[in-house]
Amino acid sequence: MLEKEFKYYLDNQDELVKKYDGKFIVIKSQTVIGAYNTEMDAYNETLKKHKLGTFLIQHCMPGEESHTATFHSRVVFN
């Protein structure tokens, strides 16, 4: 649902990191609409003006670590 926003982040990551390194940025309609020190601040402040599901919160950092998640599980498939 927020594919365009995430693609915008990936396509512009280097430039965004120069401007917002370490911040949690809020992207809506392929535009940065806010930058915050914590994810909770980004979430709470953005919800005051924008509907949930219409924006992406992204930790703005160099490299793939900011947008790659690894999940570990004890589930075994037979």
C-alpha atoms as a PDB file:
ATOM      1  CA  MET A   1       0.000   0.000   0.000  1.00  0.00           C
ATOM      2  CA  LEU A   2       2.884   2.370   0.693  1.00  0.00           C
ATOM      3  CA  GLU A   3       5.063   1.014  -2.100  1.00  0.00           C
ATOM      4  CA  LYS A   4       5.518   4.421  -3.749  1.00  0.00           C
ATOM      5  CA  GLU A   5       6.696   5.956  -0.493  1.00  0.00           C
ATOM      6  CA  PHE A   6       9.163   3.146   0.153  1.00  0.00           C
ATOM      7  CA  LYS A   7      10.448   3.302  -3.426  1.00  0.00           C
ATOM      8  CA  TYR A   8      10.905   7.056  -2.991  1.00  0.00           C
ATOM      9  CA  TYR A   9      13.023   6.360   0.098  1.00  0.00           C
ATOM     10  CA  LEU A  10      15.140   3.762  -1.683  1.00  0.00           C
ATOM     11  CA  ASP A  11      15.619   5.925  -4.773  1.00  0.00           C
ATOM     12  CA  ASN A  12      16.623   8.957  -2.694  1.00  0.00           C
ATOM     13  CA  GLN A  13      18.255   7.311   0.309  1.00  0.00           C
ATOM     14  CA  ASP A  14      21.692   8.908  -0.141  1.00  0.00           C
ATOM     15  CA  GLU A  15      20.265  12.424  -0.390  1.00  0.00           C
ATOM     16  CA  LEU A  16      17.846  11.843   2.471  1.00  0.00           C
ATOM     17  CA  VAL A  17      20.618  10.518   4.724  1.00  0.00           C
ATOM     18  CA  LYS A  18      22.649  13.673   4.080  1.00  0.00           C
ATOM     19  CA  LYS A  19      19.728  15.760   5.289  1.00  0.00           C
ATOM     20  CA  TYR A  20      18.065  13.530   7.925  1.00  0.00           C
ATOM     21  CA  ASP A  21      20.734  11.064   9.102  1.00  0.00           C
ATOM     22  CA  GLY A  22      19.519   9.136  12.139  1.00  0.00           C
ATOM     23  CA  LYS A  23      16.048  10.693  12.158  1.00  0.00           C
ATOM     24  CA  PHE A  24      12.743   8.940  11.659  1.00  0.00           C
ATOM     25  CA  ILE A  25      11.278  10.544   8.567  1.00  0.00           C
ATOM     26  CA  VAL A  26       7.646  10.491   7.538  1.00  0.00           C
ATOM     27  CA  ILE A  27       6.986  10.083   3.825  1.00  0.00           C
ATOM     28  CA  LYS A  28       3.622  10.720   2.208  1.00  0.00           C
ATOM     29  CA  SER A  29       2.946  11.049  -1.520  1.00  0.00           C
ATOM     30  CA  GLN A  30       6.677  10.753  -2.223  1.00  0.00           C
ATOM     31  CA  THR A  31       7.442  13.778  -0.022  1.00  0.00           C
ATOM     32  CA  VAL A  32       9.093  14.005   3.394  1.00  0.00           C
ATOM     33  CA  ILE A  33       6.480  15.630   5.631  1.00  0.00           C
ATOM     34  CA  GLY A  34       8.364  15.363   8.921  1.00  0.00           C
ATOM     35  CA  ALA A  35      11.562  14.313  10.668  1.00  0.00           C
ATOM     36  CA  TYR A  36      11.698  13.193  14.308  1.00  0.00           C
ATOM     37  CA  ASN A  37      14.181  11.872  16.838  1.00  0.00           C
ATOM     38  CA  THR A  38      12.081   8.842  17.760  1.00  0.00           C
ATOM     39  CA  GLU A  39       9.696   6.550  15.932  1.00  0.00           C
ATOM     40  CA  MET A  40       6.986   7.208  18.529  1.00  0.00           C
ATOM     41  CA  ASP A  41       7.271  10.977  18.034  1.00  0.00           C
ATOM     42  CA  ALA A  42       6.999  10.500  14.271  1.00  0.00           C
ATOM     43  CA  TYR A  43       3.931   8.300  14.704  1.00  0.00           C
ATOM     44  CA  ASN A  44       2.114  10.402  17.300  1.00  0.00           C
ATOM     45  CA  GLU A  45       2.746  13.768  15.638  1.00  0.00           C
ATOM     46  CA  THR A  46       1.846  12.562  12.155  1.00  0.00           C
ATOM     47  CA  LEU A  47      -1.408  10.989  13.340  1.00  0.00           C
ATOM     48  CA  LYS A  48      -2.572  14.435  14.460  1.00  0.00           C
ATOM     49  CA  LYS A  49      -2.912  15.525  10.820  1.00  0.00           C
ATOM     50  CA  HIS A  50      -2.808  12.381   8.668  1.00  0.00           C
ATOM     51  CA  LYS A  51      -4.823   9.173   8.569  1.00  0.00           C
ATOM     52  CA  LEU A  52      -3.106   5.928   9.572  1.00  0.00           C
ATOM     53  CA  GLY A  53      -2.069   3.947   6.511  1.00  0.00           C
ATOM     54  CA  THR A  54      -1.425   7.032   4.373  1.00  0.00           C
ATOM     55  CA  PHE A  55       2.183   7.608   5.399  1.00  0.00           C
ATOM     56  CA  LEU A  56       5.415   5.686   5.892  1.00  0.00           C
ATOM     57  CA  ILE A  57       7.769   6.114   8.843  1.00  0.00           C
ATOM     58  CA  GLN A  58      11.330   5.227   7.884  1.00  0.00           C
ATOM     59  CA  HIS A  59      14.500   5.305   9.967  1.00  0.00           C
ATOM     60  CA  CYS A  60      16.834   7.326   7.783  1.00  0.00           C
ATOM     61  CA  MET A  61      20.253   5.674   7.850  1.00  0.00           C
ATOM     62  CA  PRO A  62      22.877   4.701   5.289  1.00  0.00           C
ATOM     63  CA  GLY A  63      22.956   1.159   3.934  1.00  0.00           C
ATOM     64  CA  GLU A  64      20.386  -1.591   3.814  1.00  0.00           C
ATOM     65  CA  GLU A  65      20.111  -2.018   7.584  1.00  0.00           C
ATOM     66  CA  SER A  66      17.543   0.765   7.827  1.00  0.00           C
ATOM     67  CA  HIS A  67      15.100  -1.059   5.573  1.00  0.00           C
ATOM     68  CA  THR A  68      15.934  -4.732   5.982  1.00  0.00           C
ATOM     69  CA  ALA A  69      14.474  -6.909   8.720  1.00  0.00           C
ATOM     70  CA  THR A  70      15.617 -10.346   9.804  1.00  0.00           C
ATOM     71  CA  PHE A  71      13.213 -12.548  11.718  1.00  0.00           C
ATOM     72  CA  HIS A  72      14.254 -15.544  13.779  1.00  0.00           C
ATOM     73  CA  SER A  73      11.899 -18.339  14.754  1.00  0.00           C
ATOM     74  CA  ARG A  74      11.995 -21.699  16.445  1.00  0.00           C
ATOM     75  CA  VAL A  75       9.448 -23.101  14.021  1.00  0.00           C
ATOM     76  CA  VAL A  76      10.514 -26.309  12.318  1.00  0.00           C
ATOM     77  CA  PHE A  77       8.969 -27.406   9.037  1.00  0.00           C
ATOM     78  CA  ASN A  78       8.886 -31.115   8.203  1.00  0.00           C
END
